[in-house]
Amino acid sequence: MDDLNFDQRVAELGQLRDRLHRLEEDDYMTAYYKGYSSEGQTVDEINDEISELRTQVEQLQNELDDE
């Protein structure tokens, strides 16, 4: 992996982690108490997205660790 591609993957990892953090810390609690998040997602939809993002973060982290 060249430096540019590596830097892009690191940036992507940061964005995924930021999204995951927002879902876990803000959107989940909002949906839990109000029934929906600021983006209109239900708790179940948020949980699904959290699970998907965790998988993506883990896969990308493993790819970067292998480099």
C-alpha atoms as a PDB file:
ATOM      1  CA  MET A   1       0.000   0.000   0.000  1.00  0.00           C
ATOM      2  CA  ASP A   2       1.516   3.333  -0.964  1.00  0.00           C
ATOM      3  CA  ASP A   3       1.631   6.307   1.401  1.00  0.00           C
ATOM      4  CA  LEU A   4      -1.300   8.118  -0.218  1.00  0.00           C
ATOM      5  CA  ASN A   5      -3.538   5.063  -0.060  1.00  0.00           C
ATOM      6  CA  PHE A   6      -2.448   4.396   3.528  1.00  0.00           C
ATOM      7  CA  ASP A   7      -3.266   7.987   4.521  1.00  0.00           C
ATOM      8  CA  GLN A   8      -6.677   7.723   2.873  1.00  0.00           C
ATOM      9  CA  ARG A   9      -7.419   4.480   4.727  1.00  0.00           C
ATOM     10  CA  VAL A  10      -6.365   6.066   8.035  1.00  0.00           C
ATOM     11  CA  ALA A  11      -8.672   9.017   7.327  1.00  0.00           C
ATOM     12  CA  GLU A  12     -11.493   6.602   6.491  1.00  0.00           C
ATOM     13  CA  LEU A  13     -10.879   4.747   9.752  1.00  0.00           C
ATOM     14  CA  GLY A  14     -11.107   8.039  11.651  1.00  0.00           C
ATOM     15  CA  GLN A  15     -14.413   8.882   9.981  1.00  0.00           C
ATOM     16  CA  LEU A  16     -15.846   5.457  10.775  1.00  0.00           C
ATOM     17  CA  ARG A  17     -14.783   5.779  14.411  1.00  0.00           C
ATOM     18  CA  ASP A  18     -16.297   9.276  14.630  1.00  0.00           C
ATOM     19  CA  ARG A  19     -19.614   8.018  13.232  1.00  0.00           C
ATOM     20  CA  LEU A  20     -19.563   5.059  15.597  1.00  0.00           C
ATOM     21  CA  HIS A  21     -18.874   7.333  18.564  1.00  0.00           C
ATOM     22  CA  ARG A  22     -21.767   9.651  17.636  1.00  0.00           C
ATOM     23  CA  LEU A  23     -24.123   6.704  17.301  1.00  0.00           C
ATOM     24  CA  GLU A  24     -23.086   5.175  20.614  1.00  0.00           C
ATOM     25  CA  GLU A  25     -22.947   8.377  22.647  1.00  0.00           C
ATOM     26  CA  ASP A  26     -25.649  10.603  21.172  1.00  0.00           C
ATOM     27  CA  ASP A  27     -28.038   8.961  18.766  1.00  0.00           C
ATOM     28  CA  TYR A  28     -28.576   5.789  20.793  1.00  0.00           C
ATOM     29  CA  MET A  29     -29.542   7.688  23.937  1.00  0.00           C
ATOM     30  CA  THR A  30     -31.778  10.082  22.027  1.00  0.00           C
ATOM     31  CA  ALA A  31     -33.556   7.200  20.309  1.00  0.00           C
ATOM     32  CA  TYR A  32     -33.829   5.298  23.576  1.00  0.00           C
ATOM     33  CA  TYR A  33     -35.654   8.148  25.306  1.00  0.00           C
ATOM     34  CA  LYS A  34     -37.544   9.737  22.400  1.00  0.00           C
ATOM     35  CA  GLY A  35     -38.123   6.671  20.250  1.00  0.00           C
ATOM     36  CA  TYR A  36     -36.022   8.014  17.377  1.00  0.00           C
ATOM     37  CA  SER A  37     -32.685   9.732  16.843  1.00  0.00           C
ATOM     38  CA  SER A  38     -32.024  13.158  15.370  1.00  0.00           C
ATOM     39  CA  GLU A  39     -31.755  11.380  11.996  1.00  0.00           C
ATOM     40  CA  GLY A  40     -35.036   9.526  12.523  1.00  0.00           C
ATOM     41  CA  GLN A  41     -33.511   6.129  13.309  1.00  0.00           C
ATOM     42  CA  THR A  42     -35.006   3.743  15.843  1.00  0.00           C
ATOM     43  CA  VAL A  43     -32.944   2.049  18.541  1.00  0.00           C
ATOM     44  CA  ASP A  44     -32.929  -1.184  16.509  1.00  0.00           C
ATOM     45  CA  GLU A  45     -31.691   0.634  13.401  1.00  0.00           C
ATOM     46  CA  ILE A  46     -28.964   2.321  15.426  1.00  0.00           C
ATOM     47  CA  ASN A  47     -27.902  -0.991  16.954  1.00  0.00           C
ATOM     48  CA  ASP A  48     -27.688  -2.514  13.471  1.00  0.00           C
ATOM     49  CA  GLU A  49     -25.565   0.375  12.214  1.00  0.00           C
ATOM     50  CA  ILE A  50     -23.331   0.216  15.297  1.00  0.00           C
ATOM     51  CA  SER A  51     -22.734  -3.471  14.681  1.00  0.00           C
ATOM     52  CA  GLU A  52     -21.966  -2.862  11.011  1.00  0.00           C
ATOM     53  CA  LEU A  53     -19.594   0.001  11.796  1.00  0.00           C
ATOM     54  CA  ARG A  54     -17.760  -2.026  14.439  1.00  0.00           C
ATOM     55  CA  THR A  55     -17.165  -4.740  11.847  1.00  0.00           C
ATOM     56  CA  GLN A  56     -15.914  -2.200   9.294  1.00  0.00           C
ATOM     57  CA  VAL A  57     -13.607  -0.563  11.839  1.00  0.00           C
ATOM     58  CA  GLU A  58     -12.183  -3.923  12.873  1.00  0.00           C
ATOM     59  CA  GLN A  59     -11.588  -5.000   9.274  1.00  0.00           C
ATOM     60  CA  LEU A  60      -9.944  -1.726   8.312  1.00  0.00           C
ATOM     61  CA  GLN A  61      -7.817  -1.709  11.459  1.00  0.00           C
ATOM     62  CA  ASN A  62      -6.639  -5.234  10.671  1.00  0.00           C
ATOM     63  CA  GLU A  63      -5.752  -4.199   7.107  1.00  0.00           C
ATOM     64  CA  LEU A  64      -3.737  -1.246   8.375  1.00  0.00           C
ATOM     65  CA  ASP A  65      -2.027  -3.352  11.037  1.00  0.00           C
ATOM     66  CA  ASP A  66      -0.905  -5.802   8.357  1.00  0.00           C
ATOM     67  CA  GLU A  67       0.865  -3.044   6.439  1.00  0.00           C
END
